[in-house]
Amino acid sequence: MLSYKMDNKRVRTITRTEQRSRNSKLNFLLVIVGILTRNPTTTGTGFLANSGQDQDIKWKRMKKATFYPASSTITVSAVYGENSILFCTKENYGSVSGLVRVMCNGTCQIREK
């Protein structure tokens, strides 16, 4: 489960406390299994998954925003593969998409799907 905070500087995706706890346990288990089986890929997956639970994407680094009104989602992409999907409700999709459009004004590519 995710929460979002948007302001005039960034879009922040935050993993909720209950889900963060479950994710941390699973990621720790991946690291241990990777170490015990001498599999660096599994170990690295556990470390990377744990480090990416929260994301910050700054508006000035935003390169693309794709709007999906039918599913009330917005995909935002920045440099170096930074991506986030904003899952909205039907009620707040209009205001969230409006803010994304204003903040991406002229700095990023906007697509409608």
PDB file of N, CA and C in Angstrom:
ATOM      1  N   MET A   1       0.840  -1.168   0.000  1.00  0.00           N
ATOM      2  CA  MET A   1       0.000   0.000   0.000  1.00  0.00           C
ATOM      3  C   MET A   1       0.891   1.239   0.000  1.00  0.00           C
ATOM      4  N   LEU A   2       0.487   2.194  -0.783  1.00  0.00           N
ATOM      5  CA  LEU A   2       1.304   3.384  -0.959  1.00  0.00           C
ATOM      6  C   LEU A   2       0.520   4.644  -0.608  1.00  0.00           C
ATOM      7  N   SER A   3       1.265   5.655  -0.210  1.00  0.00           N
ATOM      8  CA  SER A   3       0.728   6.999  -0.024  1.00  0.00           C
ATOM      9  C   SER A   3       1.587   7.933  -0.863  1.00  0.00           C
ATOM     10  N   TYR A   4       1.024   9.069  -1.202  1.00  0.00           N
ATOM     11  CA  TYR A   4       1.745  10.028  -2.033  1.00  0.00           C
ATOM     12  C   TYR A   4       1.703  11.397  -1.391  1.00  0.00           C
ATOM     13  N   LYS A   5       2.806  12.122  -1.515  1.00  0.00           N
ATOM     14  CA  LYS A   5       2.861  13.522  -1.115  1.00  0.00           C
ATOM     15  C   LYS A   5       3.403  14.300  -2.303  1.00  0.00           C
ATOM     16  N   MET A   6       2.676  15.315  -2.685  1.00  0.00           N
ATOM     17  CA  MET A   6       3.092  16.142  -3.812  1.00  0.00           C
ATOM     18  C   MET A   6       3.129  17.586  -3.353  1.00  0.00           C
ATOM     19  N   ASP A   7       4.215  18.269  -3.693  1.00  0.00           N
ATOM     20  CA  ASP A   7       4.318  19.691  -3.407  1.00  0.00           C
ATOM     21  C   ASP A   7       4.958  20.373  -4.603  1.00  0.00           C
ATOM     22  N   ASN A   8       5.395  21.590  -4.424  1.00  0.00           N
ATOM     23  CA  ASN A   8       5.956  22.322  -5.567  1.00  0.00           C
ATOM     24  C   ASN A   8       7.384  21.904  -5.913  1.00  0.00           C
ATOM     25  N   LYS A   9       7.962  20.979  -5.160  1.00  0.00           N
ATOM     26  CA  LYS A   9       9.324  20.526  -5.444  1.00  0.00           C
ATOM     27  C   LYS A   9       9.397  19.084  -5.927  1.00  0.00           C
ATOM     28  N   ARG A  10       8.472  18.215  -5.466  1.00  0.00           N
ATOM     29  CA  ARG A  10       8.629  16.800  -5.754  1.00  0.00           C
ATOM     30  C   ARG A  10       7.331  16.013  -5.642  1.00  0.00           C
ATOM     31  N   VAL A  11       7.406  14.766  -6.161  1.00  0.00           N
ATOM     32  CA  VAL A  11       6.384  13.745  -5.942  1.00  0.00           C
ATOM     33  C   VAL A  11       7.050  12.703  -5.053  1.00  0.00           C
ATOM     34  N   ARG A  12       6.435  12.406  -3.932  1.00  0.00           N
ATOM     35  CA  ARG A  12       7.018  11.438  -3.011  1.00  0.00           C
ATOM     36  C   ARG A  12       6.082  10.252  -2.876  1.00  0.00           C
ATOM     37  N   THR A  13       6.587   9.051  -3.124  1.00  0.00           N
ATOM     38  CA  THR A  13       5.841   7.819  -2.951  1.00  0.00           C
ATOM     39  C   THR A  13       6.318   7.184  -1.656  1.00  0.00           C
ATOM     40  N   ILE A  14       5.377   6.932  -0.750  1.00  0.00           N
ATOM     41  CA  ILE A  14       5.719   6.434   0.578  1.00  0.00           C
ATOM     42  C   ILE A  14       5.021   5.100   0.812  1.00  0.00           C
ATOM     43  N   THR A  15       5.783   4.086   1.200  1.00  0.00           N
ATOM     44  CA  THR A  15       5.209   2.802   1.565  1.00  0.00           C
ATOM     45  C   THR A  15       4.654   2.902   2.978  1.00  0.00           C
ATOM     46  N   ARG A  16       3.412   2.490   3.164  1.00  0.00           N
ATOM     47  CA  ARG A  16       2.778   2.585   4.479  1.00  0.00           C
ATOM     48  C   ARG A  16       3.459   1.643   5.472  1.00  0.00           C
ATOM     49  N   THR A  17       3.320   1.962   6.756  1.00  0.00           N
ATOM     50  CA  THR A  17       4.054   1.277   7.825  1.00  0.00           C
ATOM     51  C   THR A  17       3.835  -0.228   7.827  1.00  0.00           C
ATOM     52  N   GLU A  18       2.584  -0.671   7.711  1.00  0.00           N
ATOM     53  CA  GLU A  18       2.311  -2.115   7.759  1.00  0.00           C
ATOM     54  C   GLU A  18       2.986  -2.839   6.597  1.00  0.00           C
ATOM     55  N   GLN A  19       2.874  -2.261   5.411  1.00  0.00           N
ATOM     56  CA  GLN A  19       3.480  -2.879   4.234  1.00  0.00           C
ATOM     57  C   GLN A  19       4.998  -2.800   4.297  1.00  0.00           C
ATOM     58  N   ARG A  20       5.534  -1.716   4.822  1.00  0.00           N
ATOM     59  CA  ARG A  20       6.982  -1.555   4.949  1.00  0.00           C
ATOM     60  C   ARG A  20       7.556  -2.675   5.831  1.00  0.00           C
ATOM     61  N   SER A  21       6.859  -2.978   6.914  1.00  0.00           N
ATOM     62  CA  SER A  21       7.312  -4.025   7.825  1.00  0.00           C
ATOM     63  C   SER A  21       7.351  -5.385   7.117  1.00  0.00           C
ATOM     64  N   ARG A  22       6.289  -5.705   6.378  1.00  0.00           N
ATOM     65  CA  ARG A  22       6.251  -6.972   5.638  1.00  0.00           C
ATOM     66  C   ARG A  22       7.340  -7.019   4.573  1.00  0.00           C
ATOM     67  N   ASN A  23       7.494  -5.914   3.847  1.00  0.00           N
ATOM     68  CA  ASN A  23       8.519  -5.859   2.804  1.00  0.00           C
ATOM     69  C   ASN A  23       9.919  -6.040   3.386  1.00  0.00           C
ATOM     70  N   SER A  24      10.185  -5.384   4.506  1.00  0.00           N
ATOM     71  CA  SER A  24      11.512  -5.475   5.131  1.00  0.00           C
ATOM     72  C   SER A  24      11.838  -6.902   5.536  1.00  0.00           C
ATOM     73  N   LYS A  25      10.850  -7.594   6.090  1.00  0.00           N
ATOM     74  CA  LYS A  25      11.075  -9.002   6.490  1.00  0.00           C
ATOM     75  C   LYS A  25      11.371  -9.868   5.278  1.00  0.00           C
ATOM     76  N   LEU A  26      10.603  -9.707   4.229  1.00  0.00           N
ATOM     77  CA  LEU A  26      10.818 -10.490   3.017  1.00  0.00           C
ATOM     78  C   LEU A  26      12.162 -10.162   2.373  1.00  0.00           C
ATOM     79  N   ASN A  27      12.513  -8.891   2.335  1.00  0.00           N
ATOM     80  CA  ASN A  27      13.790  -8.486   1.746  1.00  0.00           C
ATOM     81  C   ASN A  27      14.965  -9.010   2.555  1.00  0.00           C
ATOM     82  N   PHE A  28      14.830  -9.007   3.893  1.00  0.00           N
ATOM     83  CA  PHE A  28      15.875  -9.565   4.754  1.00  0.00           C
ATOM     84  C   PHE A  28      16.028 -11.053   4.476  1.00  0.00           C
ATOM     85  N   LEU A  29      14.896 -11.743   4.307  1.00  0.00           N
ATOM     86  CA  LEU A  29      14.937 -13.167   4.000  1.00  0.00           C
ATOM     87  C   LEU A  29      15.638 -13.418   2.668  1.00  0.00           C
ATOM     88  N   LEU A  30      15.382 -12.570   1.685  1.00  0.00           N
ATOM     89  CA  LEU A  30      16.080 -12.692   0.396  1.00  0.00           C
ATOM     90  C   LEU A  30      17.589 -12.545   0.549  1.00  0.00           C
ATOM     91  N   VAL A  31      18.019 -11.590   1.366  1.00  0.00           N
ATOM     92  CA  VAL A  31      19.454 -11.385   1.592  1.00  0.00           C
ATOM     93  C   VAL A  31      20.056 -12.622   2.242  1.00  0.00           C
ATOM     94  N   ILE A  32      19.399 -13.165   3.281  1.00  0.00           N
ATOM     95  CA  ILE A  32      19.913 -14.355   3.979  1.00  0.00           C
ATOM     96  C   ILE A  32      19.976 -15.557   3.039  1.00  0.00           C
ATOM     97  N   VAL A  33      18.915 -15.786   2.278  1.00  0.00           N
ATOM     98  CA  VAL A  33      18.909 -16.906   1.331  1.00  0.00           C
ATOM     99  C   VAL A  33      20.022 -16.729   0.301  1.00  0.00           C
ATOM    100  N   GLY A  34      20.212 -15.517  -0.176  1.00  0.00           N
ATOM    101  CA  GLY A  34      21.277 -15.256  -1.139  1.00  0.00           C
ATOM    102  C   GLY A  34      22.657 -15.543  -0.576  1.00  0.00           C
ATOM    103  N   ILE A  35      22.857 -15.174   0.694  1.00  0.00           N
ATOM    104  CA  ILE A  35      24.155 -15.432   1.333  1.00  0.00           C
ATOM    105  C   ILE A  35      24.357 -16.929   1.523  1.00  0.00           C
ATOM    106  N   LEU A  36      23.327 -17.619   2.036  1.00  0.00           N
ATOM    107  CA  LEU A  36      23.442 -19.059   2.301  1.00  0.00           C
ATOM    108  C   LEU A  36      23.642 -19.872   1.021  1.00  0.00           C
ATOM    109  N   THR A  37      23.032 -19.451  -0.074  1.00  0.00           N
ATOM    110  CA  THR A  37      23.176 -20.183  -1.328  1.00  0.00           C
ATOM    111  C   THR A  37      24.313 -19.631  -2.190  1.00  0.00           C
ATOM    112  N   ARG A  38      25.011 -18.643  -1.662  1.00  0.00           N
ATOM    113  CA  ARG A  38      26.110 -17.994  -2.379  1.00  0.00           C
ATOM    114  C   ARG A  38      25.659 -17.464  -3.739  1.00  0.00           C
ATOM    115  N   ASN A  39      24.489 -16.832  -3.717  1.00  0.00           N
ATOM    116  CA  ASN A  39      23.916 -16.286  -4.933  1.00  0.00           C
ATOM    117  C   ASN A  39      23.871 -14.761  -4.802  1.00  0.00           C
ATOM    118  N   PRO A  40      24.829 -14.064  -5.399  1.00  0.00           N
ATOM    119  CA  PRO A  40      24.884 -12.614  -5.252  1.00  0.00           C
ATOM    120  C   PRO A  40      23.680 -11.892  -5.878  1.00  0.00           C
ATOM    121  N   THR A  41      23.058 -12.502  -6.878  1.00  0.00           N
ATOM    122  CA  THR A  41      21.886 -11.884  -7.495  1.00  0.00           C
ATOM    123  C   THR A  41      20.733 -11.786  -6.503  1.00  0.00           C
ATOM    124  N   THR A  42      20.484 -12.867  -5.779  1.00  0.00           N
ATOM    125  CA  THR A  42      19.413 -12.874  -4.779  1.00  0.00           C
ATOM    126  C   THR A  42      19.724 -11.898  -3.657  1.00  0.00           C
ATOM    127  N   THR A  43      20.963 -11.876  -3.205  1.00  0.00           N
ATOM    128  CA  THR A  43      21.362 -10.956  -2.147  1.00  0.00           C
ATOM    129  C   THR A  43      21.169  -9.506  -2.603  1.00  0.00           C
ATOM    130  N   GLY A  44      21.607  -9.205  -3.803  1.00  0.00           N
ATOM    131  CA  GLY A  44      21.459  -7.860  -4.329  1.00  0.00           C
ATOM    132  C   GLY A  44      20.010  -7.456  -4.506  1.00  0.00           C
ATOM    133  N   THR A  45      19.176  -8.398  -4.911  1.00  0.00           N
ATOM    134  CA  THR A  45      17.748  -8.122  -5.065  1.00  0.00           C
ATOM    135  C   THR A  45      17.136  -7.721  -3.729  1.00  0.00           C
ATOM    136  N   GLY A  46      17.500  -8.428  -2.660  1.00  0.00           N
ATOM    137  CA  GLY A  46      16.995  -8.086  -1.330  1.00  0.00           C
ATOM    138  C   GLY A  46      17.420  -6.698  -0.893  1.00  0.00           C
ATOM    139  N   PHE A  47      18.689  -6.362  -1.124  1.00  0.00           N
ATOM    140  CA  PHE A  47      19.185  -5.031  -0.750  1.00  0.00           C
ATOM    141  C   PHE A  47      18.496  -3.924  -1.566  1.00  0.00           C
ATOM    142  N   LEU A  48      18.403  -4.128  -2.884  1.00  0.00           N
ATOM    143  CA  LEU A  48      17.798  -3.106  -3.740  1.00  0.00           C
ATOM    144  C   LEU A  48      16.312  -2.915  -3.449  1.00  0.00           C
ATOM    145  N   ALA A  49      15.614  -4.007  -3.224  1.00  0.00           N
ATOM    146  CA  ALA A  49      14.182  -3.902  -2.936  1.00  0.00           C
ATOM    147  C   ALA A  49      13.943  -3.148  -1.635  1.00  0.00           C
ATOM    148  N   ASN A  50      14.793  -3.374  -0.659  1.00  0.00           N
ATOM    149  CA  ASN A  50      14.623  -2.693   0.628  1.00  0.00           C
ATOM    150  C   ASN A  50      14.945  -1.202   0.514  1.00  0.00           C
ATOM    151  N   SER A  51      15.896  -0.861  -0.319  1.00  0.00           N
ATOM    152  CA  SER A  51      16.288   0.546  -0.428  1.00  0.00           C
ATOM    153  C   SER A  51      15.281   1.367  -1.229  1.00  0.00           C
ATOM    154  N   GLY A  52      14.452   0.727  -2.044  1.00  0.00           N
ATOM    155  CA  GLY A  52      13.544   1.458  -2.904  1.00  0.00           C
ATOM    156  C   GLY A  52      12.118   1.536  -2.411  1.00  0.00           C
ATOM    157  N   GLN A  53      11.901   1.408  -1.111  1.00  0.00           N
ATOM    158  CA  GLN A  53      10.530   1.425  -0.608  1.00  0.00           C
ATOM    159  C   GLN A  53       9.902   2.816  -0.697  1.00  0.00           C
ATOM    160  N   ASP A  54      10.682   3.854  -0.562  1.00  0.00           N
ATOM    161  CA  ASP A  54      10.190   5.222  -0.732  1.00  0.00           C
ATOM    162  C   ASP A  54      10.916   5.835  -1.922  1.00  0.00           C
ATOM    163  N   GLN A  55      10.201   6.677  -2.664  1.00  0.00           N
ATOM    164  CA  GLN A  55      10.801   7.327  -3.825  1.00  0.00           C
ATOM    165  C   GLN A  55      10.523   8.813  -3.783  1.00  0.00           C
ATOM    166  N   ASP A  56      11.493   9.579  -4.216  1.00  0.00           N
ATOM    167  CA  ASP A  56      11.357  11.023  -4.395  1.00  0.00           C
ATOM    168  C   ASP A  56      11.727  11.345  -5.834  1.00  0.00           C
ATOM    169  N   ILE A  57      10.806  11.949  -6.556  1.00  0.00           N
ATOM    170  CA  ILE A  57      11.120  12.407  -7.904  1.00  0.00           C
ATOM    171  C   ILE A  57      10.871  13.905  -7.937  1.00  0.00           C
ATOM    172  N   LYS A  58      11.926  14.660  -8.211  1.00  0.00           N
ATOM    173  CA  LYS A  58      11.809  16.114  -8.257  1.00  0.00           C
ATOM    174  C   LYS A  58      11.238  16.542  -9.600  1.00  0.00           C
ATOM    175  N   TRP A  59      10.391  17.565  -9.557  1.00  0.00           N
ATOM    176  CA  TRP A  59       9.748  18.053 -10.776  1.00  0.00           C
ATOM    177  C   TRP A  59      10.772  18.484 -11.817  1.00  0.00           C
ATOM    178  N   LYS A  60      11.863  19.113 -11.391  1.00  0.00           N
ATOM    179  CA  LYS A  60      12.831  19.630 -12.365  1.00  0.00           C
ATOM    180  C   LYS A  60      13.568  18.513 -13.100  1.00  0.00           C
ATOM    181  N   ARG A  61      13.524  17.276 -12.565  1.00  0.00           N
ATOM    182  CA  ARG A  61      14.151  16.136 -13.234  1.00  0.00           C
ATOM    183  C   ARG A  61      13.149  15.310 -14.034  1.00  0.00           C
ATOM    184  N   MET A  62      11.888  15.677 -13.970  1.00  0.00           N
ATOM    185  CA  MET A  62      10.824  14.939 -14.652  1.00  0.00           C
ATOM    186  C   MET A  62      10.965  15.071 -16.160  1.00  0.00           C
ATOM    187  N   LYS A  63      10.882  13.944 -16.861  1.00  0.00           N
ATOM    188  CA  LYS A  63      11.020  13.946 -18.316  1.00  0.00           C
ATOM    189  C   LYS A  63       9.724  13.579 -19.033  1.00  0.00           C
ATOM    190  N   LYS A  64       8.840  12.782 -18.383  1.00  0.00           N
ATOM    191  CA  LYS A  64       7.637  12.346 -19.068  1.00  0.00           C
ATOM    192  C   LYS A  64       6.528  12.057 -18.056  1.00  0.00           C
ATOM    193  N   ALA A  65       5.308  12.404 -18.433  1.00  0.00           N
ATOM    194  CA  ALA A  65       4.126  12.067 -17.643  1.00  0.00           C
ATOM    195  C   ALA A  65       3.095  11.473 -18.595  1.00  0.00           C
ATOM    196  N   THR A  66       2.593  10.294 -18.259  1.00  0.00           N
ATOM    197  CA  THR A  66       1.586   9.624 -19.077  1.00  0.00           C
ATOM    198  C   THR A  66       0.320   9.472 -18.248  1.00  0.00           C
ATOM    199  N   PHE A  67      -0.799   9.922 -18.815  1.00  0.00           N
ATOM    200  CA  PHE A  67      -2.073   9.925 -18.097  1.00  0.00           C
ATOM    201  C   PHE A  67      -2.972   8.805 -18.617  1.00  0.00           C
ATOM    202  N   TYR A  68      -3.550   8.052 -17.693  1.00  0.00           N
ATOM    203  CA  TYR A  68      -4.469   6.967 -18.009  1.00  0.00           C
ATOM    204  C   TYR A  68      -5.792   7.230 -17.286  1.00  0.00           C
ATOM    205  N   PRO A  69      -6.662   8.073 -17.858  1.00  0.00           N
ATOM    206  CA  PRO A  69      -7.902   8.433 -17.165  1.00  0.00           C
ATOM    207  C   PRO A  69      -8.830   7.245 -16.909  1.00  0.00           C
ATOM    208  N   ALA A  70      -8.828   6.250 -17.788  1.00  0.00           N
ATOM    209  CA  ALA A  70      -9.723   5.104 -17.612  1.00  0.00           C
ATOM    210  C   ALA A  70      -9.418   4.329 -16.333  1.00  0.00           C
ATOM    211  N   SER A  71      -8.151   4.267 -15.958  1.00  0.00           N
ATOM    212  CA  SER A  71      -7.768   3.547 -14.735  1.00  0.00           C
ATOM    213  C   SER A  71      -7.361   4.492 -13.607  1.00  0.00           C
ATOM    214  N   SER A  72      -7.495   5.782 -13.826  1.00  0.00           N
ATOM    215  CA  SER A  72      -7.146   6.809 -12.823  1.00  0.00           C
ATOM    216  C   SER A  72      -5.708   6.673 -12.337  1.00  0.00           C
ATOM    217  N   THR A  73      -4.792   6.463 -13.267  1.00  0.00           N
ATOM    218  CA  THR A  73      -3.376   6.374 -12.920  1.00  0.00           C
ATOM    219  C   THR A  73      -2.561   7.341 -13.765  1.00  0.00           C
ATOM    220  N   ILE A  74      -1.427   7.740 -13.213  1.00  0.00           N
ATOM    221  CA  ILE A  74      -0.493   8.628 -13.907  1.00  0.00           C
ATOM    222  C   ILE A  74       0.901   8.040 -13.716  1.00  0.00           C
ATOM    223  N   THR A  75       1.621   7.874 -14.817  1.00  0.00           N
ATOM    224  CA  THR A  75       2.993   7.394 -14.747  1.00  0.00           C
ATOM    225  C   THR A  75       3.915   8.586 -14.948  1.00  0.00           C
ATOM    226  N   VAL A  76       4.854   8.766 -14.028  1.00  0.00           N
ATOM    227  CA  VAL A  76       5.830   9.842 -14.162  1.00  0.00           C
ATOM    228  C   VAL A  76       7.218   9.228 -14.270  1.00  0.00           C
ATOM    229  N   SER A  77       8.036   9.782 -15.140  1.00  0.00           N
ATOM    230  CA  SER A  77       9.385   9.275 -15.385  1.00  0.00           C
ATOM    231  C   SER A  77      10.374  10.415 -15.320  1.00  0.00           C
ATOM    232  N   ALA A  78      11.505  10.141 -14.703  1.00  0.00           N
ATOM    233  CA  ALA A  78      12.572  11.133 -14.600  1.00  0.00           C
ATOM    234  C   ALA A  78      13.836  10.539 -15.212  1.00  0.00           C
ATOM    235  N   VAL A  79      14.936  11.201 -14.991  1.00  0.00           N
ATOM    236  CA  VAL A  79      16.211  10.742 -15.535  1.00  0.00           C
ATOM    237  C   VAL A  79      16.668   9.471 -14.828  1.00  0.00           C
ATOM    238  N   TYR A  80      17.558   8.728 -15.489  1.00  0.00           N
ATOM    239  CA  TYR A  80      18.189   7.536 -14.931  1.00  0.00           C
ATOM    240  C   TYR A  80      17.192   6.479 -14.458  1.00  0.00           C
ATOM    241  N   GLY A  81      16.081   6.320 -15.170  1.00  0.00           N
ATOM    242  CA  GLY A  81      15.147   5.254 -14.868  1.00  0.00           C
ATOM    243  C   GLY A  81      14.298   5.438 -13.627  1.00  0.00           C
ATOM    244  N   GLU A  82      14.230   6.644 -13.114  1.00  0.00           N
ATOM    245  CA  GLU A  82      13.356   6.902 -11.973  1.00  0.00           C
ATOM    246  C   GLU A  82      11.925   6.963 -12.472  1.00  0.00           C
ATOM    247  N   ASN A  83      11.093   6.027 -12.036  1.00  0.00           N
ATOM    248  CA  ASN A  83       9.707   5.968 -12.456  1.00  0.00           C
ATOM    249  C   ASN A  83       8.813   5.800 -11.246  1.00  0.00           C
ATOM    250  N   SER A  84       7.612   6.301 -11.359  1.00  0.00           N
ATOM    251  CA  SER A  84       6.623   6.098 -10.309  1.00  0.00           C
ATOM    252  C   SER A  84       5.244   6.109 -10.939  1.00  0.00           C
ATOM    253  N   ILE A  85       4.349   5.314 -10.387  1.00  0.00           N
ATOM    254  CA  ILE A  85       2.969   5.285 -10.850  1.00  0.00           C
ATOM    255  C   ILE A  85       2.114   5.852  -9.728  1.00  0.00           C
ATOM    256  N   LEU A  86       1.345   6.867 -10.052  1.00  0.00           N
ATOM    257  CA  LEU A  86       0.442   7.482  -9.083  1.00  0.00           C
ATOM    258  C   LEU A  86      -0.937   6.860  -9.256  1.00  0.00           C
ATOM    259  N   PHE A  87      -1.356   6.077  -8.277  1.00  0.00           N
ATOM    260  CA  PHE A  87      -2.670   5.448  -8.301  1.00  0.00           C
ATOM    261  C   PHE A  87      -3.645   6.402  -7.619  1.00  0.00           C
ATOM    262  N   CYS A  88      -4.598   6.908  -8.376  1.00  0.00           N
ATOM    263  CA  CYS A  88      -5.559   7.890  -7.863  1.00  0.00           C
ATOM    264  C   CYS A  88      -6.937   7.250  -7.720  1.00  0.00           C
ATOM    265  N   THR A  89      -7.794   7.912  -6.982  1.00  0.00           N
ATOM    266  CA  THR A  89      -9.195   7.533  -6.953  1.00  0.00           C
ATOM    267  C   THR A  89      -9.896   8.304  -8.064  1.00  0.00           C
ATOM    268  N   LYS A  90     -11.110   7.898  -8.384  1.00  0.00           N
ATOM    269  CA  LYS A  90     -11.881   8.622  -9.407  1.00  0.00           C
ATOM    270  C   LYS A  90     -12.112  10.065  -8.968  1.00  0.00           C
ATOM    271  N   GLU A  91     -12.261  10.269  -7.652  1.00  0.00           N
ATOM    272  CA  GLU A  91     -12.557  11.599  -7.125  1.00  0.00           C
ATOM    273  C   GLU A  91     -11.369  12.554  -7.204  1.00  0.00           C
ATOM    274  N   ASN A  92     -10.143  12.057  -6.948  1.00  0.00           N
ATOM    275  CA  ASN A  92      -9.004  12.983  -6.909  1.00  0.00           C
ATOM    276  C   ASN A  92      -8.155  12.966  -8.180  1.00  0.00           C
ATOM    277  N   TYR A  93      -8.528  12.148  -9.163  1.00  0.00           N
ATOM    278  CA  TYR A  93      -7.730  12.064 -10.391  1.00  0.00           C
ATOM    279  C   TYR A  93      -7.628  13.425 -11.090  1.00  0.00           C
ATOM    280  N   GLY A  94      -8.713  14.160 -11.149  1.00  0.00           N
ATOM    281  CA  GLY A  94      -8.704  15.461 -11.826  1.00  0.00           C
ATOM    282  C   GLY A  94      -7.745  16.451 -11.195  1.00  0.00           C
ATOM    283  N   SER A  95      -7.766  16.554  -9.873  1.00  0.00           N
ATOM    284  CA  SER A  95      -6.883  17.514  -9.216  1.00  0.00           C
ATOM    285  C   SER A  95      -5.421  17.064  -9.260  1.00  0.00           C
ATOM    286  N   VAL A  96      -5.177  15.764  -9.122  1.00  0.00           N
ATOM    287  CA  VAL A  96      -3.791  15.266  -9.187  1.00  0.00           C
ATOM    288  C   VAL A  96      -3.242  15.443 -10.602  1.00  0.00           C
ATOM    289  N   SER A  97      -4.029  15.086 -11.610  1.00  0.00           N
ATOM    290  CA  SER A  97      -3.544  15.248 -12.987  1.00  0.00           C
ATOM    291  C   SER A  97      -3.326  16.725 -13.314  1.00  0.00           C
ATOM    292  N   GLY A  98      -4.178  17.599 -12.776  1.00  0.00           N
ATOM    293  CA  GLY A  98      -3.988  19.029 -12.982  1.00  0.00           C
ATOM    294  C   GLY A  98      -2.681  19.522 -12.400  1.00  0.00           C
ATOM    295  N   LEU A  99      -2.362  19.067 -11.189  1.00  0.00           N
ATOM    296  CA  LEU A  99      -1.098  19.469 -10.561  1.00  0.00           C
ATOM    297  C   LEU A  99       0.098  18.948 -11.349  1.00  0.00           C
ATOM    298  N   VAL A 100       0.027  17.698 -11.796  1.00  0.00           N
ATOM    299  CA  VAL A 100       1.137  17.135 -12.580  1.00  0.00           C
ATOM    300  C   VAL A 100       1.322  17.936 -13.866  1.00  0.00           C
ATOM    301  N   ARG A 101       0.228  18.287 -14.530  1.00  0.00           N
ATOM    302  CA  ARG A 101       0.328  19.070 -15.771  1.00  0.00           C
ATOM    303  C   ARG A 101       0.944  20.451 -15.523  1.00  0.00           C
ATOM    304  N   VAL A 102       0.558  21.090 -14.437  1.00  0.00           N
ATOM    305  CA  VAL A 102       1.103  22.416 -14.123  1.00  0.00           C
ATOM    306  C   VAL A 102       2.592  22.315 -13.792  1.00  0.00           C
ATOM    307  N   MET A 103       2.973  21.330 -12.992  1.00  0.00           N
ATOM    308  CA  MET A 103       4.366  21.212 -12.564  1.00  0.00           C
ATOM    309  C   MET A 103       5.272  20.736 -13.703  1.00  0.00           C
ATOM    310  N   CYS A 104       4.717  20.001 -14.669  1.00  0.00           N
ATOM    311  CA  CYS A 104       5.502  19.544 -15.829  1.00  0.00           C
ATOM    312  C   CYS A 104       5.492  20.563 -16.956  1.00  0.00           C
ATOM    313  N   ASN A 105       4.902  21.681 -16.744  1.00  0.00           N
ATOM    314  CA  ASN A 105       4.730  22.705 -17.767  1.00  0.00           C
ATOM    315  C   ASN A 105       6.020  22.992 -18.519  1.00  0.00           C
ATOM    316  N   GLY A 106       6.096  22.516 -19.762  1.00  0.00           N
ATOM    317  CA  GLY A 106       7.222  22.822 -20.627  1.00  0.00           C
ATOM    318  C   GLY A 106       8.497  22.042 -20.341  1.00  0.00           C
ATOM    319  N   THR A 107       8.561  21.341 -19.234  1.00  0.00           N
ATOM    320  CA  THR A 107       9.797  20.643 -18.899  1.00  0.00           C
ATOM    321  C   THR A 107       9.755  19.167 -19.231  1.00  0.00           C
ATOM    322  N   CYS A 108       8.560  18.625 -19.469  1.00  0.00           N
ATOM    323  CA  CYS A 108       8.500  17.203 -19.760  1.00  0.00           C
ATOM    324  C   CYS A 108       7.451  16.911 -20.830  1.00  0.00           C
ATOM    325  N   GLN A 109       7.566  15.737 -21.401  1.00  0.00           N
ATOM    326  CA  GLN A 109       6.648  15.283 -22.433  1.00  0.00           C
ATOM    327  C   GLN A 109       5.383  14.765 -21.754  1.00  0.00           C
ATOM    328  N   ILE A 110       4.209  15.172 -22.234  1.00  0.00           N
ATOM    329  CA  ILE A 110       2.944  14.745 -21.657  1.00  0.00           C
ATOM    330  C   ILE A 110       2.208  13.899 -22.685  1.00  0.00           C
ATOM    331  N   ARG A 111       1.749  12.715 -22.233  1.00  0.00           N
ATOM    332  CA  ARG A 111       1.022  11.800 -23.115  1.00  0.00           C
ATOM    333  C   ARG A 111      -0.315  11.427 -22.495  1.00  0.00           C
ATOM    334  N   GLU A 112      -1.286  11.218 -23.345  1.00  0.00           N
ATOM    335  CA  GLU A 112      -2.607  10.727 -22.944  1.00  0.00           C
ATOM    336  C   GLU A 112      -2.787   9.330 -23.525  1.00  0.00           C
ATOM    337  N   LYS A 113      -3.272   8.415 -22.736  1.00  0.00           N
ATOM    338  CA  LYS A 113      -3.528   7.048 -23.234  1.00  0.00           C
ATOM    339  C   LYS A 113      -4.973   6.694 -23.036  1.00  0.00           C
TER     340      LYS A 113
END
